[in-house]
Amino acid sequence: MAEHDVLPMLRKMRSIGDYQRIAIKRDPENYPYYAAADVLCLLADGKLDKAADVLATQERAAGVWVPRLRHLHLDRKLLRKERLSKVDRVKLAALLHERETYTVEKLKLCDIWEPTRFPLESSEGS
C-alpha cells in the first residue's frame, strides 16, 4: 500500500512548499490552519503577491505574520503589493532563515540540515 500510494507522493516533494500544496489539496476545508505555513512557503518562494492575498483573507495567517513583518517595516509594503527593495528582501530572508533555523533545531535535524538560499533571495519579481 505505502509503496504504491505514499512513496510516489513523497518522492515528488522537493521542498516544504511541495508538502504544503499536497496538504492543502488533501484537506482544503482546513486551509485556515495551514495558511500561516502557506504564507511562509510563498514568501520563501518569492511569491509575494500571493502571500499578500493570503494575509488579506486569512485571519490566522495575518495574526502570525503581520506582527513579524511590521517589526521589519514590511507589512504595509507587502499588503499593498509594492515591489520590495533588495534591502527589504534581505530583511525578509533573514526572518525566514531565523524561522528555518528554529524549526531545524526543534526537530533535531541539525546533523543533516544543509542551509540553502530561498528563491526569494535570487529573484527580483513579486
PDB file of N, CA and C in Angstrom:
ATOM      1  N   MET A   1       0.823  -1.190   0.000  1.00  0.00           N
ATOM      2  CA  MET A   1       0.000   0.000   0.000  1.00  0.00           C
ATOM      3  C   MET A   1       0.872   1.261   0.000  1.00  0.00           C
ATOM      4  N   ALA A   2       1.768   1.393   0.960  1.00  0.00           N
ATOM      5  CA  ALA A   2       2.618   2.577   1.039  1.00  0.00           C
ATOM      6  C   ALA A   2       3.491   2.711  -0.205  1.00  0.00           C
ATOM      7  N   GLU A   3       3.945   1.575  -0.748  1.00  0.00           N
ATOM      8  CA  GLU A   3       4.809   1.625  -1.923  1.00  0.00           C
ATOM      9  C   GLU A   3       4.090   2.211  -3.129  1.00  0.00           C
ATOM     10  N   HIS A   4       2.782   2.021  -3.174  1.00  0.00           N
ATOM     11  CA  HIS A   4       2.011   2.472  -4.337  1.00  0.00           C
ATOM     12  C   HIS A   4       1.315   3.811  -4.115  1.00  0.00           C
ATOM     13  N   ASP A   5       1.000   4.125  -2.880  1.00  0.00           N
ATOM     14  CA  ASP A   5       0.242   5.341  -2.597  1.00  0.00           C
ATOM     15  C   ASP A   5       1.105   6.460  -2.018  1.00  0.00           C
ATOM     16  N   VAL A   6       1.804   6.155  -0.951  1.00  0.00           N
ATOM     17  CA  VAL A   6       2.510   7.192  -0.205  1.00  0.00           C
ATOM     18  C   VAL A   6       3.876   7.517  -0.815  1.00  0.00           C
ATOM     19  N   LEU A   7       4.670   6.523  -1.114  1.00  0.00           N
ATOM     20  CA  LEU A   7       6.028   6.775  -1.599  1.00  0.00           C
ATOM     21  C   LEU A   7       6.080   7.586  -2.894  1.00  0.00           C
ATOM     22  N   PRO A   8       5.219   7.302  -3.883  1.00  0.00           N
ATOM     23  CA  PRO A   8       5.265   8.148  -5.083  1.00  0.00           C
ATOM     24  C   PRO A   8       4.970   9.624  -4.777  1.00  0.00           C
ATOM     25  N   MET A   9       4.058   9.867  -3.851  1.00  0.00           N
ATOM     26  CA  MET A   9       3.741  11.233  -3.455  1.00  0.00           C
ATOM     27  C   MET A   9       4.941  11.872  -2.756  1.00  0.00           C
ATOM     28  N   LEU A  10       5.587  11.136  -1.865  1.00  0.00           N
ATOM     29  CA  LEU A  10       6.732  11.672  -1.139  1.00  0.00           C
ATOM     30  C   LEU A  10       7.914  11.950  -2.065  1.00  0.00           C
ATOM     31  N   ARG A  11       8.104  11.112  -3.050  1.00  0.00           N
ATOM     32  CA  ARG A  11       9.231  11.293  -3.974  1.00  0.00           C
ATOM     33  C   ARG A  11       9.107  12.585  -4.781  1.00  0.00           C
ATOM     34  N   LYS A  12       7.891  13.064  -4.985  1.00  0.00           N
ATOM     35  CA  LYS A  12       7.674  14.297  -5.742  1.00  0.00           C
ATOM     36  C   LYS A  12       8.026  15.544  -4.935  1.00  0.00           C
ATOM     37  N   MET A  13       8.102  15.416  -3.626  1.00  0.00           N
ATOM     38  CA  MET A  13       8.347  16.574  -2.769  1.00  0.00           C
ATOM     39  C   MET A  13       9.816  16.950  -2.773  1.00  0.00           C
ATOM     40  N   ARG A  14      10.074  18.205  -3.090  1.00  0.00           N
ATOM     41  CA  ARG A  14      11.435  18.730  -3.100  1.00  0.00           C
ATOM     42  C   ARG A  14      11.598  19.873  -2.107  1.00  0.00           C
ATOM     43  N   SER A  15      10.474  20.342  -1.564  1.00  0.00           N
ATOM     44  CA  SER A  15      10.534  21.472  -0.644  1.00  0.00           C
ATOM     45  C   SER A  15       9.353  21.414   0.312  1.00  0.00           C
ATOM     46  N   ILE A  16       9.406  22.253   1.336  1.00  0.00           N
ATOM     47  CA  ILE A  16       8.281  22.355   2.254  1.00  0.00           C
ATOM     48  C   ILE A  16       7.064  22.899   1.515  1.00  0.00           C
ATOM     49  N   GLY A  17       7.293  23.716   0.502  1.00  0.00           N
ATOM     50  CA  GLY A  17       6.192  24.230  -0.319  1.00  0.00           C
ATOM     51  C   GLY A  17       5.462  23.116  -1.043  1.00  0.00           C
ATOM     52  N   ASP A  18       6.211  22.124  -1.545  1.00  0.00           N
ATOM     53  CA  ASP A  18       5.585  20.962  -2.188  1.00  0.00           C
ATOM     54  C   ASP A  18       4.696  20.226  -1.189  1.00  0.00           C
ATOM     55  N   TYR A  19       5.214  20.012   0.011  1.00  0.00           N
ATOM     56  CA  TYR A  19       4.422  19.360   1.056  1.00  0.00           C
ATOM     57  C   TYR A  19       3.166  20.178   1.354  1.00  0.00           C
ATOM     58  N   GLN A  20       3.334  21.479   1.471  1.00  0.00           N
ATOM     59  CA  GLN A  20       2.222  22.364   1.803  1.00  0.00           C
ATOM     60  C   GLN A  20       1.121  22.260   0.752  1.00  0.00           C
ATOM     61  N   ARG A  21       1.474  22.263  -0.529  1.00  0.00           N
ATOM     62  CA  ARG A  21       0.481  22.177  -1.591  1.00  0.00           C
ATOM     63  C   ARG A  21      -0.266  20.842  -1.540  1.00  0.00           C
ATOM     64  N   ILE A  22       0.439  19.771  -1.227  1.00  0.00           N
ATOM     65  CA  ILE A  22      -0.216  18.463  -1.117  1.00  0.00           C
ATOM     66  C   ILE A  22      -1.158  18.441   0.083  1.00  0.00           C
ATOM     67  N   ALA A  23      -0.724  18.979   1.205  1.00  0.00           N
ATOM     68  CA  ALA A  23      -1.569  19.015   2.408  1.00  0.00           C
ATOM     69  C   ALA A  23      -2.838  19.820   2.159  1.00  0.00           C
ATOM     70  N   ILE A  24      -2.710  20.936   1.475  1.00  0.00           N
ATOM     71  CA  ILE A  24      -3.877  21.780   1.197  1.00  0.00           C
ATOM     72  C   ILE A  24      -4.848  21.053   0.271  1.00  0.00           C
ATOM     73  N   LYS A  25      -4.334  20.391  -0.755  1.00  0.00           N
ATOM     74  CA  LYS A  25      -5.204  19.653  -1.677  1.00  0.00           C
ATOM     75  C   LYS A  25      -5.947  18.527  -0.966  1.00  0.00           C
ATOM     76  N   ARG A  26      -5.280  17.878  -0.032  1.00  0.00           N
ATOM     77  CA  ARG A  26      -5.888  16.742   0.666  1.00  0.00           C
ATOM     78  C   ARG A  26      -6.894  17.165   1.730  1.00  0.00           C
ATOM     79  N   ASP A  27      -6.790  18.413   2.196  1.00  0.00           N
ATOM     80  CA  ASP A  27      -7.622  18.847   3.319  1.00  0.00           C
ATOM     81  C   ASP A  27      -8.006  20.327   3.159  1.00  0.00           C
ATOM     82  N   PRO A  28      -8.671  20.685   2.054  1.00  0.00           N
ATOM     83  CA  PRO A  28      -8.911  22.105   1.766  1.00  0.00           C
ATOM     84  C   PRO A  28      -9.801  22.821   2.780  1.00  0.00           C
ATOM     85  N   GLU A  29     -10.707  22.109   3.415  1.00  0.00           N
ATOM     86  CA  GLU A  29     -11.594  22.775   4.372  1.00  0.00           C
ATOM     87  C   GLU A  29     -10.862  23.265   5.616  1.00  0.00           C
ATOM     88  N   ASN A  30      -9.671  22.740   5.861  1.00  0.00           N
ATOM     89  CA  ASN A  30      -8.874  23.189   6.994  1.00  0.00           C
ATOM     90  C   ASN A  30      -7.781  24.172   6.585  1.00  0.00           C
ATOM     91  N   TYR A  31      -7.948  24.796   5.412  1.00  0.00           N
ATOM     92  CA  TYR A  31      -6.935  25.739   4.948  1.00  0.00           C
ATOM     93  C   TYR A  31      -6.601  26.825   5.966  1.00  0.00           C
ATOM     94  N   PRO A  32      -7.573  27.359   6.713  1.00  0.00           N
ATOM     95  CA  PRO A  32      -7.192  28.396   7.694  1.00  0.00           C
ATOM     96  C   PRO A  32      -6.090  27.941   8.657  1.00  0.00           C
ATOM     97  N   TYR A  33      -6.029  26.651   8.948  1.00  0.00           N
ATOM     98  CA  TYR A  33      -4.982  26.144   9.838  1.00  0.00           C
ATOM     99  C   TYR A  33      -3.630  26.031   9.126  1.00  0.00           C
ATOM    100  N   TYR A  34      -3.666  25.872   7.821  1.00  0.00           N
ATOM    101  CA  TYR A  34      -2.441  25.762   7.026  1.00  0.00           C
ATOM    102  C   TYR A  34      -1.941  27.114   6.530  1.00  0.00           C
ATOM    103  N   ALA A  35      -2.766  28.118   6.617  1.00  0.00           N
ATOM    104  CA  ALA A  35      -2.498  29.392   5.949  1.00  0.00           C
ATOM    105  C   ALA A  35      -1.187  30.044   6.384  1.00  0.00           C
ATOM    106  N   ALA A  36      -0.864  30.015   7.674  1.00  0.00           N
ATOM    107  CA  ALA A  36       0.379  30.642   8.140  1.00  0.00           C
ATOM    108  C   ALA A  36       1.596  29.950   7.519  1.00  0.00           C
ATOM    109  N   ALA A  37       1.555  28.627   7.449  1.00  0.00           N
ATOM    110  CA  ALA A  37       2.657  27.896   6.813  1.00  0.00           C
ATOM    111  C   ALA A  37       2.678  28.164   5.313  1.00  0.00           C
ATOM    112  N   ASP A  38       1.509  28.338   4.729  1.00  0.00           N
ATOM    113  CA  ASP A  38       1.434  28.659   3.309  1.00  0.00           C
ATOM    114  C   ASP A  38       2.101  30.004   3.034  1.00  0.00           C
ATOM    115  N   VAL A  39       1.853  30.980   3.896  1.00  0.00           N
ATOM    116  CA  VAL A  39       2.495  32.294   3.744  1.00  0.00           C
ATOM    117  C   VAL A  39       4.008  32.145   3.812  1.00  0.00           C
ATOM    118  N   LEU A  40       4.499  31.369   4.757  1.00  0.00           N
ATOM    119  CA  LEU A  40       5.939  31.140   4.878  1.00  0.00           C
ATOM    120  C   LEU A  40       6.500  30.596   3.563  1.00  0.00           C
ATOM    121  N   CYS A  41       5.843  29.588   3.008  1.00  0.00           N
ATOM    122  CA  CYS A  41       6.315  28.981   1.756  1.00  0.00           C
ATOM    123  C   CYS A  41       6.251  29.970   0.605  1.00  0.00           C
ATOM    124  N   LEU A  42       5.164  30.735   0.519  1.00  0.00           N
ATOM    125  CA  LEU A  42       5.027  31.710  -0.558  1.00  0.00           C
ATOM    126  C   LEU A  42       6.086  32.806  -0.454  1.00  0.00           C
ATOM    127  N   LEU A  43       6.341  33.275   0.760  1.00  0.00           N
ATOM    128  CA  LEU A  43       7.383  34.289   0.945  1.00  0.00           C
ATOM    129  C   LEU A  43       8.747  33.739   0.539  1.00  0.00           C
ATOM    130  N   ALA A  44       9.069  32.555   1.010  1.00  0.00           N
ATOM    131  CA  ALA A  44      10.370  31.952   0.692  1.00  0.00           C
ATOM    132  C   ALA A  44      10.525  31.729  -0.814  1.00  0.00           C
ATOM    133  N   ASP A  45       9.416  31.378  -1.479  1.00  0.00           N
ATOM    134  CA  ASP A  45       9.446  31.160  -2.932  1.00  0.00           C
ATOM    135  C   ASP A  45       9.470  32.461  -3.719  1.00  0.00           C
ATOM    136  N   GLY A  46       9.337  33.599  -3.018  1.00  0.00           N
ATOM    137  CA  GLY A  46       9.326  34.884  -3.708  1.00  0.00           C
ATOM    138  C   GLY A  46       7.985  35.229  -4.321  1.00  0.00           C
ATOM    139  N   LYS A  47       6.939  34.504  -3.942  1.00  0.00           N
ATOM    140  CA  LYS A  47       5.588  34.753  -4.467  1.00  0.00           C
ATOM    141  C   LYS A  47       4.878  35.721  -3.523  1.00  0.00           C
ATOM    142  N   LEU A  48       5.357  36.950  -3.534  1.00  0.00           N
ATOM    143  CA  LEU A  48       4.941  37.931  -2.543  1.00  0.00           C
ATOM    144  C   LEU A  48       3.507  38.386  -2.724  1.00  0.00           C
ATOM    145  N   ASP A  49       3.043  38.515  -3.967  1.00  0.00           N
ATOM    146  CA  ASP A  49       1.652  38.921  -4.192  1.00  0.00           C
ATOM    147  C   ASP A  49       0.683  37.852  -3.685  1.00  0.00           C
ATOM    148  N   LYS A  50       1.016  36.598  -3.920  1.00  0.00           N
ATOM    149  CA  LYS A  50       0.161  35.511  -3.417  1.00  0.00           C
ATOM    150  C   LYS A  50       0.171  35.482  -1.889  1.00  0.00           C
ATOM    151  N   ALA A  51       1.332  35.717  -1.302  1.00  0.00           N
ATOM    152  CA  ALA A  51       1.409  35.774   0.165  1.00  0.00           C
ATOM    153  C   ALA A  51       0.541  36.908   0.686  1.00  0.00           C
ATOM    154  N   ALA A  52       0.569  38.055   0.015  1.00  0.00           N
ATOM    155  CA  ALA A  52      -0.254  39.199   0.420  1.00  0.00           C
ATOM    156  C   ALA A  52      -1.738  38.853   0.331  1.00  0.00           C
ATOM    157  N   ASP A  53      -2.124  38.114  -0.704  1.00  0.00           N
ATOM    158  CA  ASP A  53      -3.526  37.709  -0.840  1.00  0.00           C
ATOM    159  C   ASP A  53      -3.961  36.825   0.324  1.00  0.00           C
ATOM    160  N   VAL A  54      -3.111  35.899   0.713  1.00  0.00           N
ATOM    161  CA  VAL A  54      -3.433  35.024   1.845  1.00  0.00           C
ATOM    162  C   VAL A  54      -3.527  35.848   3.133  1.00  0.00           C
ATOM    163  N   LEU A  55      -2.584  36.748   3.328  1.00  0.00           N
ATOM    164  CA  LEU A  55      -2.606  37.585   4.535  1.00  0.00           C
ATOM    165  C   LEU A  55      -3.867  38.442   4.595  1.00  0.00           C
ATOM    166  N   ALA A  56      -4.346  38.890   3.438  1.00  0.00           N
ATOM    167  CA  ALA A  56      -5.533  39.745   3.397  1.00  0.00           C
ATOM    168  C   ALA A  56      -6.825  38.973   3.652  1.00  0.00           C
ATOM    169  N   THR A  57      -6.797  37.662   3.442  1.00  0.00           N
ATOM    170  CA  THR A  57      -8.041  36.890   3.549  1.00  0.00           C
ATOM    171  C   THR A  57      -8.057  35.867   4.684  1.00  0.00           C
ATOM    172  N   GLN A  58      -6.910  35.587   5.274  1.00  0.00           N
ATOM    173  CA  GLN A  58      -6.837  34.547   6.297  1.00  0.00           C
ATOM    174  C   GLN A  58      -6.383  35.149   7.623  1.00  0.00           C
ATOM    175  N   GLU A  59      -7.316  35.280   8.541  1.00  0.00           N
ATOM    176  CA  GLU A  59      -7.048  35.939   9.813  1.00  0.00           C
ATOM    177  C   GLU A  59      -5.947  35.264  10.617  1.00  0.00           C
ATOM    178  N   ARG A  60      -5.931  33.939  10.650  1.00  0.00           N
ATOM    179  CA  ARG A  60      -4.889  33.228  11.406  1.00  0.00           C
ATOM    180  C   ARG A  60      -3.496  33.536  10.863  1.00  0.00           C
ATOM    181  N   ALA A  61      -3.369  33.492   9.555  1.00  0.00           N
ATOM    182  CA  ALA A  61      -2.067  33.767   8.935  1.00  0.00           C
ATOM    183  C   ALA A  61      -1.642  35.200   9.205  1.00  0.00           C
ATOM    184  N   ALA A  62      -2.588  36.129   9.096  1.00  0.00           N
ATOM    185  CA  ALA A  62      -2.265  37.530   9.365  1.00  0.00           C
ATOM    186  C   ALA A  62      -1.835  37.708  10.814  1.00  0.00           C
ATOM    187  N   GLY A  63      -2.485  37.002  11.723  1.00  0.00           N
ATOM    188  CA  GLY A  63      -2.124  37.101  13.138  1.00  0.00           C
ATOM    189  C   GLY A  63      -0.718  36.624  13.422  1.00  0.00           C
ATOM    190  N   VAL A  64      -0.260  35.659  12.650  1.00  0.00           N
ATOM    191  CA  VAL A  64       1.095  35.126  12.823  1.00  0.00           C
ATOM    192  C   VAL A  64       2.123  36.035  12.148  1.00  0.00           C
ATOM    193  N   TRP A  65       1.855  36.445  10.911  1.00  0.00           N
ATOM    194  CA  TRP A  65       2.882  37.090  10.095  1.00  0.00           C
ATOM    195  C   TRP A  65       2.903  38.605  10.134  1.00  0.00           C
ATOM    196  N   VAL A  66       1.746  39.254  10.223  1.00  0.00           N
ATOM    197  CA  VAL A  66       1.748  40.723  10.160  1.00  0.00           C
ATOM    198  C   VAL A  66       2.593  41.353  11.266  1.00  0.00           C
ATOM    199  N   PRO A  67       2.512  40.885  12.523  1.00  0.00           N
ATOM    200  CA  PRO A  67       3.392  41.491  13.537  1.00  0.00           C
ATOM    201  C   PRO A  67       4.886  41.326  13.219  1.00  0.00           C
ATOM    202  N   ARG A  68       5.267  40.185  12.698  1.00  0.00           N
ATOM    203  CA  ARG A  68       6.675  39.957  12.336  1.00  0.00           C
ATOM    204  C   ARG A  68       7.093  40.862  11.182  1.00  0.00           C
ATOM    205  N   LEU A  69       6.208  41.006  10.205  1.00  0.00           N
ATOM    206  CA  LEU A  69       6.504  41.870   9.061  1.00  0.00           C
ATOM    207  C   LEU A  69       6.502  43.340   9.479  1.00  0.00           C
ATOM    208  N   ARG A  70       5.613  43.695  10.392  1.00  0.00           N
ATOM    209  CA  ARG A  70       5.554  45.078  10.884  1.00  0.00           C
ATOM    210  C   ARG A  70       6.852  45.442  11.595  1.00  0.00           C
ATOM    211  N   HIS A  71       7.383  44.504  12.350  1.00  0.00           N
ATOM    212  CA  HIS A  71       8.651  44.726  13.057  1.00  0.00           C
ATOM    213  C   HIS A  71       9.766  45.096  12.082  1.00  0.00           C
ATOM    214  N   LEU A  72       9.700  44.539  10.869  1.00  0.00           N
ATOM    215  CA  LEU A  72      10.701  44.831   9.830  1.00  0.00           C
ATOM    216  C   LEU A  72      10.274  45.982   8.923  1.00  0.00           C
ATOM    217  N   HIS A  73       9.137  46.593   9.228  1.00  0.00           N
ATOM    218  CA  HIS A  73       8.577  47.677   8.407  1.00  0.00           C
ATOM    219  C   HIS A  73       8.260  47.193   6.989  1.00  0.00           C
ATOM    220  N   LEU A  74       7.791  45.950   6.887  1.00  0.00           N
ATOM    221  CA  LEU A  74       7.452  45.383   5.582  1.00  0.00           C
ATOM    222  C   LEU A  74       5.971  45.082   5.434  1.00  0.00           C
ATOM    223  N   ASP A  75       5.197  45.189   6.500  1.00  0.00           N
ATOM    224  CA  ASP A  75       3.793  44.788   6.446  1.00  0.00           C
ATOM    225  C   ASP A  75       3.005  45.593   5.417  1.00  0.00           C
ATOM    226  N   ARG A  76       3.117  46.905   5.455  1.00  0.00           N
ATOM    227  CA  ARG A  76       2.352  47.745   4.526  1.00  0.00           C
ATOM    228  C   ARG A  76       2.802  47.544   3.086  1.00  0.00           C
ATOM    229  N   LYS A  77       4.111  47.472   2.885  1.00  0.00           N
ATOM    230  CA  LYS A  77       4.623  47.263   1.527  1.00  0.00           C
ATOM    231  C   LYS A  77       4.094  45.962   0.948  1.00  0.00           C
ATOM    232  N   LEU A  78       4.154  44.912   1.753  1.00  0.00           N
ATOM    233  CA  LEU A  78       3.729  43.607   1.264  1.00  0.00           C
ATOM    234  C   LEU A  78       2.223  43.585   1.007  1.00  0.00           C
ATOM    235  N   LEU A  79       1.447  44.094   1.958  1.00  0.00           N
ATOM    236  CA  LEU A  79      -0.009  44.076   1.799  1.00  0.00           C
ATOM    237  C   LEU A  79      -0.484  44.964   0.650  1.00  0.00           C
ATOM    238  N   ARG A  80       0.262  46.014   0.351  1.00  0.00           N
ATOM    239  CA  ARG A  80      -0.073  46.877  -0.795  1.00  0.00           C
ATOM    240  C   ARG A  80       0.508  46.343  -2.104  1.00  0.00           C
ATOM    241  N   LYS A  81       1.230  45.249  -1.998  1.00  0.00           N
ATOM    242  CA  LYS A  81       1.871  44.600  -3.145  1.00  0.00           C
ATOM    243  C   LYS A  81       2.885  45.518  -3.826  1.00  0.00           C
ATOM    244  N   GLU A  82       3.566  46.298  -3.006  1.00  0.00           N
ATOM    245  CA  GLU A  82       4.639  47.142  -3.535  1.00  0.00           C
ATOM    246  C   GLU A  82       5.880  46.286  -3.763  1.00  0.00           C
ATOM    247  N   ARG A  83       6.656  46.675  -4.722  1.00  0.00           N
ATOM    248  CA  ARG A  83       7.906  45.954  -5.007  1.00  0.00           C
ATOM    249  C   ARG A  83       8.873  46.168  -3.836  1.00  0.00           C
ATOM    250  N   LEU A  84       9.458  45.089  -3.346  1.00  0.00           N
ATOM    251  CA  LEU A  84      10.401  45.188  -2.243  1.00  0.00           C
ATOM    252  C   LEU A  84      11.804  45.483  -2.774  1.00  0.00           C
ATOM    253  N   SER A  85      12.502  46.337  -2.066  1.00  0.00           N
ATOM    254  CA  SER A  85      13.880  46.642  -2.423  1.00  0.00           C
ATOM    255  C   SER A  85      14.774  45.451  -2.078  1.00  0.00           C
ATOM    256  N   LYS A  86      16.007  45.504  -2.519  1.00  0.00           N
ATOM    257  CA  LYS A  86      16.966  44.446  -2.163  1.00  0.00           C
ATOM    258  C   LYS A  86      17.148  44.376  -0.656  1.00  0.00           C
ATOM    259  N   VAL A  87      17.204  45.535  -0.009  1.00  0.00           N
ATOM    260  CA  VAL A  87      17.355  45.569   1.450  1.00  0.00           C
ATOM    261  C   VAL A  87      16.146  44.915   2.119  1.00  0.00           C
ATOM    262  N   ASP A  88      14.941  45.210   1.612  1.00  0.00           N
ATOM    263  CA  ASP A  88      13.728  44.594   2.159  1.00  0.00           C
ATOM    264  C   ASP A  88      13.770  43.078   2.002  1.00  0.00           C
ATOM    265  N   ARG A  89      14.222  42.627   0.846  1.00  0.00           N
ATOM    266  CA  ARG A  89      14.293  41.182   0.592  1.00  0.00           C
ATOM    267  C   ARG A  89      15.320  40.514   1.512  1.00  0.00           C
ATOM    268  N   VAL A  90      16.408  41.195   1.762  1.00  0.00           N
ATOM    269  CA  VAL A  90      17.424  40.656   2.680  1.00  0.00           C
ATOM    270  C   VAL A  90      16.843  40.540   4.087  1.00  0.00           C
ATOM    271  N   LYS A  91      16.106  41.566   4.524  1.00  0.00           N
ATOM    272  CA  LYS A  91      15.484  41.521   5.852  1.00  0.00           C
ATOM    273  C   LYS A  91      14.453  40.398   5.942  1.00  0.00           C
ATOM    274  N   LEU A  92      13.653  40.251   4.888  1.00  0.00           N
ATOM    275  CA  LEU A  92      12.640  39.194   4.875  1.00  0.00           C
ATOM    276  C   LEU A  92      13.297  37.817   4.862  1.00  0.00           C
ATOM    277  N   ALA A  93      14.324  37.649   4.062  1.00  0.00           N
ATOM    278  CA  ALA A  93      15.042  36.370   4.013  1.00  0.00           C
ATOM    279  C   ALA A  93      15.665  36.041   5.367  1.00  0.00           C
ATOM    280  N   ALA A  94      16.211  37.039   6.039  1.00  0.00           N
ATOM    281  CA  ALA A  94      16.802  36.807   7.368  1.00  0.00           C
ATOM    282  C   ALA A  94      15.733  36.307   8.346  1.00  0.00           C
ATOM    283  N   LEU A  95      14.541  36.896   8.282  1.00  0.00           N
ATOM    284  CA  LEU A  95      13.441  36.430   9.138  1.00  0.00           C
ATOM    285  C   LEU A  95      13.085  34.977   8.827  1.00  0.00           C
ATOM    286  N   LEU A  96      12.998  34.652   7.554  1.00  0.00           N
ATOM    287  CA  LEU A  96      12.656  33.284   7.156  1.00  0.00           C
ATOM    288  C   LEU A  96      13.753  32.297   7.558  1.00  0.00           C
ATOM    289  N   HIS A  97      15.014  32.682   7.408  1.00  0.00           N
ATOM    290  CA  HIS A  97      16.113  31.803   7.825  1.00  0.00           C
ATOM    291  C   HIS A  97      16.121  31.614   9.340  1.00  0.00           C
ATOM    292  N   GLU A  98      15.734  32.642  10.057  1.00  0.00           N
ATOM    293  CA  GLU A  98      15.626  32.531  11.513  1.00  0.00           C
ATOM    294  C   GLU A  98      14.566  31.491  11.889  1.00  0.00           C
ATOM    295  N   ARG A  99      13.412  31.528  11.212  1.00  0.00           N
ATOM    296  CA  ARG A  99      12.343  30.546  11.454  1.00  0.00           C
ATOM    297  C   ARG A  99      12.819  29.157  11.040  1.00  0.00           C
ATOM    298  N   GLU A 100      13.536  29.077   9.940  1.00  0.00           N
ATOM    299  CA  GLU A 100      14.060  27.806   9.451  1.00  0.00           C
ATOM    300  C   GLU A 100      15.011  27.193  10.480  1.00  0.00           C
ATOM    301  N   THR A 101      15.930  27.989  10.976  1.00  0.00           N
ATOM    302  CA  THR A 101      16.904  27.514  11.966  1.00  0.00           C
ATOM    303  C   THR A 101      16.199  27.030  13.227  1.00  0.00           C
ATOM    304  N   TYR A 102      15.236  27.799  13.694  1.00  0.00           N
ATOM    305  CA  TYR A 102      14.473  27.417  14.881  1.00  0.00           C
ATOM    306  C   TYR A 102      13.800  26.059  14.678  1.00  0.00           C
ATOM    307  N   THR A 103      13.163  25.888  13.522  1.00  0.00           N
ATOM    308  CA  THR A 103      12.464  24.638  13.227  1.00  0.00           C
ATOM    309  C   THR A 103      13.431  23.466  13.155  1.00  0.00           C
ATOM    310  N   VAL A 104      14.543  23.654  12.472  1.00  0.00           N
ATOM    311  CA  VAL A 104      15.545  22.586  12.349  1.00  0.00           C
ATOM    312  C   VAL A 104      16.065  22.176  13.725  1.00  0.00           C
ATOM    313  N   GLU A 105      16.322  23.153  14.576  1.00  0.00           N
ATOM    314  CA  GLU A 105      16.811  22.842  15.920  1.00  0.00           C
ATOM    315  C   GLU A 105      15.758  22.097  16.729  1.00  0.00           C
ATOM    316  N   LYS A 106      14.511  22.530  16.668  1.00  0.00           N
ATOM    317  CA  LYS A 106      13.442  21.875  17.427  1.00  0.00           C
ATOM    318  C   LYS A 106      13.195  20.450  16.940  1.00  0.00           C
ATOM    319  N   LEU A 107      13.360  20.228  15.642  1.00  0.00           N
ATOM    320  CA  LEU A 107      13.165  18.890  15.083  1.00  0.00           C
ATOM    321  C   LEU A 107      14.423  18.030  15.178  1.00  0.00           C
ATOM    322  N   LYS A 108      15.487  18.613  15.747  1.00  0.00           N
ATOM    323  CA  LYS A 108      16.758  17.911  15.926  1.00  0.00           C
ATOM    324  C   LYS A 108      17.311  17.376  14.600  1.00  0.00           C
ATOM    325  N   LEU A 109      17.296  18.245  13.604  1.00  0.00           N
ATOM    326  CA  LEU A 109      17.781  17.888  12.275  1.00  0.00           C
ATOM    327  C   LEU A 109      19.109  18.561  11.925  1.00  0.00           C
ATOM    328  N   CYS A 110      19.745  19.166  12.917  1.00  0.00           N
ATOM    329  CA  CYS A 110      20.975  19.930  12.668  1.00  0.00           C
ATOM    330  C   CYS A 110      22.061  19.106  11.974  1.00  0.00           C
ATOM    331  N   ASP A 111      22.153  17.826  12.304  1.00  0.00           N
ATOM    332  CA  ASP A 111      23.208  16.988  11.731  1.00  0.00           C
ATOM    333  C   ASP A 111      23.038  16.746  10.237  1.00  0.00           C
ATOM    334  N   ILE A 112      21.815  16.846   9.742  1.00  0.00           N
ATOM    335  CA  ILE A 112      21.590  16.565   8.317  1.00  0.00           C
ATOM    336  C   ILE A 112      21.145  17.790   7.531  1.00  0.00           C
ATOM    337  N   TRP A 113      20.938  18.897   8.199  1.00  0.00           N
ATOM    338  CA  TRP A 113      20.441  20.118   7.557  1.00  0.00           C
ATOM    339  C   TRP A 113      21.519  20.773   6.723  1.00  0.00           C
ATOM    340  N   GLU A 114      21.161  21.168   5.522  1.00  0.00           N
ATOM    341  CA  GLU A 114      22.054  21.904   4.644  1.00  0.00           C
ATOM    342  C   GLU A 114      21.375  23.220   4.286  1.00  0.00           C
ATOM    343  N   PRO A 115      21.746  24.308   4.956  1.00  0.00           N
ATOM    344  CA  PRO A 115      21.114  25.589   4.656  1.00  0.00           C
ATOM    345  C   PRO A 115      21.313  25.976   3.190  1.00  0.00           C
ATOM    346  N   THR A 116      20.254  26.470   2.587  1.00  0.00           N
ATOM    347  CA  THR A 116      20.315  26.925   1.199  1.00  0.00           C
ATOM    348  C   THR A 116      19.567  28.247   1.076  1.00  0.00           C
ATOM    349  N   ARG A 117      19.843  28.941  -0.008  1.00  0.00           N
ATOM    350  CA  ARG A 117      19.133  30.197  -0.260  1.00  0.00           C
ATOM    351  C   ARG A 117      17.696  29.903  -0.673  1.00  0.00           C
ATOM    352  N   PHE A 118      16.809  30.805  -0.328  1.00  0.00           N
ATOM    353  CA  PHE A 118      15.422  30.710  -0.768  1.00  0.00           C
ATOM    354  C   PHE A 118      15.305  31.339  -2.159  1.00  0.00           C
ATOM    355  N   PRO A 119      14.348  30.893  -2.956  1.00  0.00           N
ATOM    356  CA  PRO A 119      14.131  31.551  -4.244  1.00  0.00           C
ATOM    357  C   PRO A 119      13.915  33.064  -4.097  1.00  0.00           C
ATOM    358  N   LEU A 120      13.320  33.491  -3.001  1.00  0.00           N
ATOM    359  CA  LEU A 120      13.143  34.927  -2.717  1.00  0.00           C
ATOM    360  C   LEU A 120      14.464  35.683  -2.838  1.00  0.00           C
ATOM    361  N   GLU A 121      15.549  35.054  -2.424  1.00  0.00           N
ATOM    362  CA  GLU A 121      16.859  35.712  -2.399  1.00  0.00           C
ATOM    363  C   GLU A 121      17.499  35.831  -3.775  1.00  0.00           C
ATOM    364  N   SER A 122      16.978  35.102  -4.736  1.00  0.00           N
ATOM    365  CA  SER A 122      17.598  35.148  -6.059  1.00  0.00           C
ATOM    366  C   SER A 122      16.668  35.717  -7.110  1.00  0.00           C
ATOM    367  N   SER A 123      15.470  36.169  -6.697  1.00  0.00           N
ATOM    368  CA  SER A 123      14.528  36.721  -7.679  1.00  0.00           C
ATOM    369  C   SER A 123      14.264  38.184  -7.371  1.00  0.00           C
ATOM    370  N   GLU A 124      13.885  38.907  -8.381  1.00  0.00           N
ATOM    371  CA  GLU A 124      13.564  40.318  -8.205  1.00  0.00           C
ATOM    372  C   GLU A 124      12.074  40.577  -8.363  1.00  0.00           C
ATOM    373  N   GLY A 125      11.331  39.581  -8.837  1.00  0.00           N
ATOM    374  CA  GLY A 125       9.898  39.773  -9.060  1.00  0.00           C
ATOM    375  C   GLY A 125       9.125  39.733  -7.768  1.00  0.00           C
ATOM    376  N   SER A 126       7.828  39.839  -7.882  1.00  0.00           N
ATOM    377  CA  SER A 126       6.972  39.772  -6.706  1.00  0.00           C
ATOM    378  C   SER A 126       6.110  38.560  -6.841  1.00  0.00           C
TER     379      SER A 126
END
